[in-house]
Amino acid sequence: MTRLTLAGPGAGKTQDLCNQINARLQGGVNPYAVLAITFSRKAAAVITERTMGRVEGHTFHGFANWIIRLGCKIRNEDPPVIIPEGDQEDLIKAAIEQVGHSFLEMEEVKSALTKMRVLNMPEEAFRPEVVLAAERYLDLLDLRNEMDFTRILERGAK
């Protein structure tokens, strides 16, 4: 059964999810057949706690990262390193320099990366040199075996 609960902060979404999970577990559902994903680490920890550890709560990023690392282990590959935002910005600046467009602002390229990757905006919506720098940034991530937070979701979904 798939269930999506949408409500504002403090409305009881996590409690509702835990109640649903516990009811199904009491009904005989195998705990390993339950995937509980939420947005925050706090809610994920609450899910684990309120199901008495029978079901582990995950964030979207945490679950995607687990899938990536499992795949790397199976393929005997080194898992990618998650880079913090400051390193991401440094890598974007390096990408801008490498494509020879030092006049570009890091924030413009960073914004374009978000819009293309998260909002699925087409490349044609951006200046060609911005797209070139963004593509170089993604290439650098792959070459260095690194992931930013968006790349975790991209790779985890593959």
C-alpha atoms as a PDB file:
ATOM      1  CA  MET A   1       0.000   0.000   0.000  1.00  0.00           C
ATOM      2  CA  THR A   2       1.287   3.443  -0.890  1.00  0.00           C
ATOM      3  CA  ARG A   3       0.199   6.387   1.195  1.00  0.00           C
ATOM      4  CA  LEU A   4       1.057  10.051   0.768  1.00  0.00           C
ATOM      5  CA  THR A   5       0.120  12.421   3.571  1.00  0.00           C
ATOM      6  CA  LEU A   6       0.168  16.149   2.872  1.00  0.00           C
ATOM      7  CA  ALA A   7      -0.386  18.622   5.703  1.00  0.00           C
ATOM      8  CA  GLY A   8       1.248  21.599   7.351  1.00  0.00           C
ATOM      9  CA  PRO A   9       3.789  21.563  10.189  1.00  0.00           C
ATOM     10  CA  GLY A  10       2.490  20.149  13.452  1.00  0.00           C
ATOM     11  CA  ALA A  11      -0.559  18.541  11.857  1.00  0.00           C
ATOM     12  CA  GLY A  12       0.421  15.037  12.957  1.00  0.00           C
ATOM     13  CA  LYS A  13       1.777  13.574   9.709  1.00  0.00           C
ATOM     14  CA  THR A  14       4.535  11.605  11.415  1.00  0.00           C
ATOM     15  CA  GLN A  15       2.180  10.311  14.108  1.00  0.00           C
ATOM     16  CA  ASP A  16      -0.338   9.288  11.428  1.00  0.00           C
ATOM     17  CA  LEU A  17       2.386   7.490   9.476  1.00  0.00           C
ATOM     18  CA  CYS A  18       3.588   5.669  12.600  1.00  0.00           C
ATOM     19  CA  ASN A  19       0.023   4.651  13.474  1.00  0.00           C
ATOM     20  CA  GLN A  20      -0.477   3.265   9.960  1.00  0.00           C
ATOM     21  CA  ILE A  21       2.822   1.377  10.045  1.00  0.00           C
ATOM     22  CA  ASN A  22       2.193  -0.091  13.496  1.00  0.00           C
ATOM     23  CA  ALA A  23      -1.323  -1.176  12.517  1.00  0.00           C
ATOM     24  CA  ARG A  24       0.025  -3.002   9.489  1.00  0.00           C
ATOM     25  CA  LEU A  25       2.811  -4.612  11.495  1.00  0.00           C
ATOM     26  CA  GLN A  26       0.265  -5.839  14.043  1.00  0.00           C
ATOM     27  CA  GLY A  27      -1.739  -7.199  11.113  1.00  0.00           C
ATOM     28  CA  GLY A  28       1.193  -9.370  10.087  1.00  0.00           C
ATOM     29  CA  VAL A  29       2.988  -7.248   7.499  1.00  0.00           C
ATOM     30  CA  ASN A  30       6.701  -8.024   7.334  1.00  0.00           C
ATOM     31  CA  PRO A  31       8.641  -4.996   8.654  1.00  0.00           C
ATOM     32  CA  TYR A  32      11.109  -5.430   5.787  1.00  0.00           C
ATOM     33  CA  ALA A  33       8.248  -4.779   3.358  1.00  0.00           C
ATOM     34  CA  VAL A  34       7.734  -1.269   4.773  1.00  0.00           C
ATOM     35  CA  LEU A  35       9.611   1.721   3.404  1.00  0.00           C
ATOM     36  CA  ALA A  36       9.046   4.854   5.491  1.00  0.00           C
ATOM     37  CA  ILE A  37      10.477   7.978   3.862  1.00  0.00           C
ATOM     38  CA  THR A  38      10.122  11.524   5.132  1.00  0.00           C
ATOM     39  CA  PHE A  39      11.717  14.910   4.561  1.00  0.00           C
ATOM     40  CA  SER A  40      13.537  15.498   7.851  1.00  0.00           C
ATOM     41  CA  ARG A  41      16.030  13.523   9.906  1.00  0.00           C
ATOM     42  CA  LYS A  42      14.002  14.311  12.995  1.00  0.00           C
ATOM     43  CA  ALA A  43      10.845  12.730  11.560  1.00  0.00           C
ATOM     44  CA  ALA A  44      12.852   9.728  10.326  1.00  0.00           C
ATOM     45  CA  ALA A  45      14.229   9.184  13.837  1.00  0.00           C
ATOM     46  CA  VAL A  46      10.725   9.501  15.306  1.00  0.00           C
ATOM     47  CA  ILE A  47       9.437   6.829  12.907  1.00  0.00           C
ATOM     48  CA  THR A  48      12.201   4.441  13.969  1.00  0.00           C
ATOM     49  CA  GLU A  49      11.502   5.177  17.636  1.00  0.00           C
ATOM     50  CA  ARG A  50       7.700   4.896  17.438  1.00  0.00           C
ATOM     51  CA  THR A  51       7.855   1.605  15.562  1.00  0.00           C
ATOM     52  CA  MET A  52      10.211   0.312  18.271  1.00  0.00           C
ATOM     53  CA  GLY A  53      12.968  -0.134  15.707  1.00  0.00           C
ATOM     54  CA  ARG A  54      10.972  -2.594  13.613  1.00  0.00           C
ATOM     55  CA  VAL A  55      10.876  -0.103  10.722  1.00  0.00           C
ATOM     56  CA  GLU A  56      13.695   2.305  10.057  1.00  0.00           C
ATOM     57  CA  GLY A  57      12.666   5.794   9.004  1.00  0.00           C
ATOM     58  CA  HIS A  58      14.666   7.404   6.205  1.00  0.00           C
ATOM     59  CA  THR A  59      14.928  10.796   4.575  1.00  0.00           C
ATOM     60  CA  PHE A  60      14.729  10.934   0.789  1.00  0.00           C
ATOM     61  CA  HIS A  61      18.437  11.790   0.616  1.00  0.00           C
ATOM     62  CA  GLY A  62      19.374   9.169   3.201  1.00  0.00           C
ATOM     63  CA  PHE A  63      17.529   6.409   1.373  1.00  0.00           C
ATOM     64  CA  ALA A  64      18.942   7.437  -2.011  1.00  0.00           C
ATOM     65  CA  ASN A  65      22.446   7.516  -0.525  1.00  0.00           C
ATOM     66  CA  TRP A  66      21.912   4.025   0.931  1.00  0.00           C
ATOM     67  CA  ILE A  67      20.896   2.732  -2.526  1.00  0.00           C
ATOM     68  CA  ILE A  68      23.971   4.335  -4.113  1.00  0.00           C
ATOM     69  CA  ARG A  69      26.325   2.860  -1.506  1.00  0.00           C
ATOM     70  CA  LEU A  70      24.735  -0.576  -1.792  1.00  0.00           C
ATOM     71  CA  GLY A  71      25.220  -0.471  -5.573  1.00  0.00           C
ATOM     72  CA  CYS A  72      28.849   0.561  -5.120  1.00  0.00           C
ATOM     73  CA  LYS A  73      29.422  -2.305  -2.688  1.00  0.00           C
ATOM     74  CA  ILE A  74      27.859  -4.817  -5.095  1.00  0.00           C
ATOM     75  CA  ARG A  75      29.980  -3.489  -7.993  1.00  0.00           C
ATOM     76  CA  ASN A  76      33.084  -3.262  -5.778  1.00  0.00           C
ATOM     77  CA  GLU A  77      33.403   0.492  -6.438  1.00  0.00           C
ATOM     78  CA  ASP A  78      34.386   3.299  -4.124  1.00  0.00           C
ATOM     79  CA  PRO A  79      31.279   5.135  -2.923  1.00  0.00           C
ATOM     80  CA  PRO A  80      31.078   8.806  -3.875  1.00  0.00           C
ATOM     81  CA  VAL A  81      31.848  11.519  -1.355  1.00  0.00           C
ATOM     82  CA  ILE A  82      29.107  14.008  -0.494  1.00  0.00           C
ATOM     83  CA  ILE A  83      30.430  17.539  -0.757  1.00  0.00           C
ATOM     84  CA  PRO A  84      29.240  20.373   1.474  1.00  0.00           C
ATOM     85  CA  GLU A  85      27.784  23.532  -0.045  1.00  0.00           C
ATOM     86  CA  GLY A  86      31.029  25.500   0.301  1.00  0.00           C
ATOM     87  CA  ASP A  87      32.922  22.888  -1.704  1.00  0.00           C
ATOM     88  CA  GLN A  88      30.086  22.853  -4.236  1.00  0.00           C
ATOM     89  CA  GLU A  89      30.515  26.581  -4.762  1.00  0.00           C
ATOM     90  CA  ASP A  90      34.282  26.189  -5.155  1.00  0.00           C
ATOM     91  CA  LEU A  91      33.716  23.456  -7.747  1.00  0.00           C
ATOM     92  CA  ILE A  92      31.259  25.652  -9.666  1.00  0.00           C
ATOM     93  CA  LYS A  93      33.882  28.425  -9.709  1.00  0.00           C
ATOM     94  CA  ALA A  94      36.457  25.930 -11.014  1.00  0.00           C
ATOM     95  CA  ALA A  95      34.023  24.821 -13.731  1.00  0.00           C
ATOM     96  CA  ILE A  96      33.471  28.439 -14.770  1.00  0.00           C
ATOM     97  CA  GLU A  97      37.224  28.956 -15.053  1.00  0.00           C
ATOM     98  CA  GLN A  98      37.752  25.706 -16.966  1.00  0.00           C
ATOM     99  CA  VAL A  99      35.222  26.613 -19.661  1.00  0.00           C
ATOM    100  CA  GLY A 100      36.857  30.019 -20.071  1.00  0.00           C
ATOM    101  CA  HIS A 101      33.917  32.169 -18.987  1.00  0.00           C
ATOM    102  CA  SER A 102      35.358  33.896 -15.923  1.00  0.00           C
ATOM    103  CA  PHE A 103      32.823  36.712 -16.346  1.00  0.00           C
ATOM    104  CA  LEU A 104      30.046  34.385 -15.137  1.00  0.00           C
ATOM    105  CA  GLU A 105      28.843  34.697 -11.567  1.00  0.00           C
ATOM    106  CA  MET A 106      28.921  31.544  -9.468  1.00  0.00           C
ATOM    107  CA  GLU A 107      25.385  32.251  -8.186  1.00  0.00           C
ATOM    108  CA  GLU A 108      23.999  32.389 -11.738  1.00  0.00           C
ATOM    109  CA  VAL A 109      25.434  28.974 -12.570  1.00  0.00           C
ATOM    110  CA  LYS A 110      24.346  27.537  -9.217  1.00  0.00           C
ATOM    111  CA  SER A 111      20.812  28.846  -9.770  1.00  0.00           C
ATOM    112  CA  ALA A 112      20.726  27.405 -13.293  1.00  0.00           C
ATOM    113  CA  LEU A 113      21.878  24.020 -11.981  1.00  0.00           C
ATOM    114  CA  THR A 114      19.013  23.995  -9.498  1.00  0.00           C
ATOM    115  CA  LYS A 115      16.447  25.059 -12.076  1.00  0.00           C
ATOM    116  CA  MET A 116      17.611  22.503 -14.639  1.00  0.00           C
ATOM    117  CA  ARG A 117      18.015  19.606 -12.224  1.00  0.00           C
ATOM    118  CA  VAL A 118      15.213  20.157  -9.729  1.00  0.00           C
ATOM    119  CA  LEU A 119      12.611  22.071 -11.726  1.00  0.00           C
ATOM    120  CA  ASN A 120      13.411  20.401 -15.081  1.00  0.00           C
ATOM    121  CA  MET A 121      13.772  23.726 -16.853  1.00  0.00           C
ATOM    122  CA  PRO A 122      15.164  23.226 -20.372  1.00  0.00           C
ATOM    123  CA  GLU A 123      18.740  24.247 -21.147  1.00  0.00           C
ATOM    124  CA  GLU A 124      17.377  26.676 -23.740  1.00  0.00           C
ATOM    125  CA  ALA A 125      16.069  28.830 -20.873  1.00  0.00           C
ATOM    126  CA  PHE A 126      19.657  29.776 -19.990  1.00  0.00           C
ATOM    127  CA  ARG A 127      22.560  31.449 -21.717  1.00  0.00           C
ATOM    128  CA  PRO A 128      24.754  28.880 -23.519  1.00  0.00           C
ATOM    129  CA  GLU A 129      27.835  29.754 -21.468  1.00  0.00           C
ATOM    130  CA  VAL A 130      25.888  29.144 -18.240  1.00  0.00           C
ATOM    131  CA  VAL A 131      24.807  25.720 -19.507  1.00  0.00           C
ATOM    132  CA  LEU A 132      28.395  24.934 -20.500  1.00  0.00           C
ATOM    133  CA  ALA A 133      29.672  25.815 -17.012  1.00  0.00           C
ATOM    134  CA  ALA A 134      26.853  23.811 -15.402  1.00  0.00           C
ATOM    135  CA  GLU A 135      27.666  20.769 -17.528  1.00  0.00           C
ATOM    136  CA  ARG A 136      31.343  21.090 -16.644  1.00  0.00           C
ATOM    137  CA  TYR A 137      30.431  21.210 -12.950  1.00  0.00           C
ATOM    138  CA  LEU A 138      28.491  17.947 -13.298  1.00  0.00           C
ATOM    139  CA  ASP A 139      31.425  16.401 -15.181  1.00  0.00           C
ATOM    140  CA  LEU A 140      33.778  17.457 -12.373  1.00  0.00           C
ATOM    141  CA  LEU A 141      31.513  15.842  -9.787  1.00  0.00           C
ATOM    142  CA  ASP A 142      31.646  12.572 -11.712  1.00  0.00           C
ATOM    143  CA  LEU A 143      35.396  12.761 -12.360  1.00  0.00           C
ATOM    144  CA  ARG A 144      36.061  13.318  -8.664  1.00  0.00           C
ATOM    145  CA  ASN A 145      33.513  10.696  -7.555  1.00  0.00           C
ATOM    146  CA  GLU A 146      31.607  13.329  -5.594  1.00  0.00           C
ATOM    147  CA  MET A 147      27.951  14.175  -5.157  1.00  0.00           C
ATOM    148  CA  ASP A 148      26.106  17.305  -4.145  1.00  0.00           C
ATOM    149  CA  PHE A 149      22.709  16.931  -2.478  1.00  0.00           C
ATOM    150  CA  THR A 150      20.809  17.011  -5.758  1.00  0.00           C
ATOM    151  CA  ARG A 151      23.127  14.418  -7.291  1.00  0.00           C
ATOM    152  CA  ILE A 152      22.269  12.052  -4.420  1.00  0.00           C
ATOM    153  CA  LEU A 153      18.635  12.049  -5.545  1.00  0.00           C
ATOM    154  CA  GLU A 154      19.568  11.873  -9.234  1.00  0.00           C
ATOM    155  CA  ARG A 155      21.831   8.866  -8.778  1.00  0.00           C
ATOM    156  CA  GLY A 156      19.608   7.182  -6.228  1.00  0.00           C
ATOM    157  CA  ALA A 157      16.691   7.302  -8.658  1.00  0.00           C
ATOM    158  CA  LYS A 158      18.604   5.563 -11.471  1.00  0.00           C
END
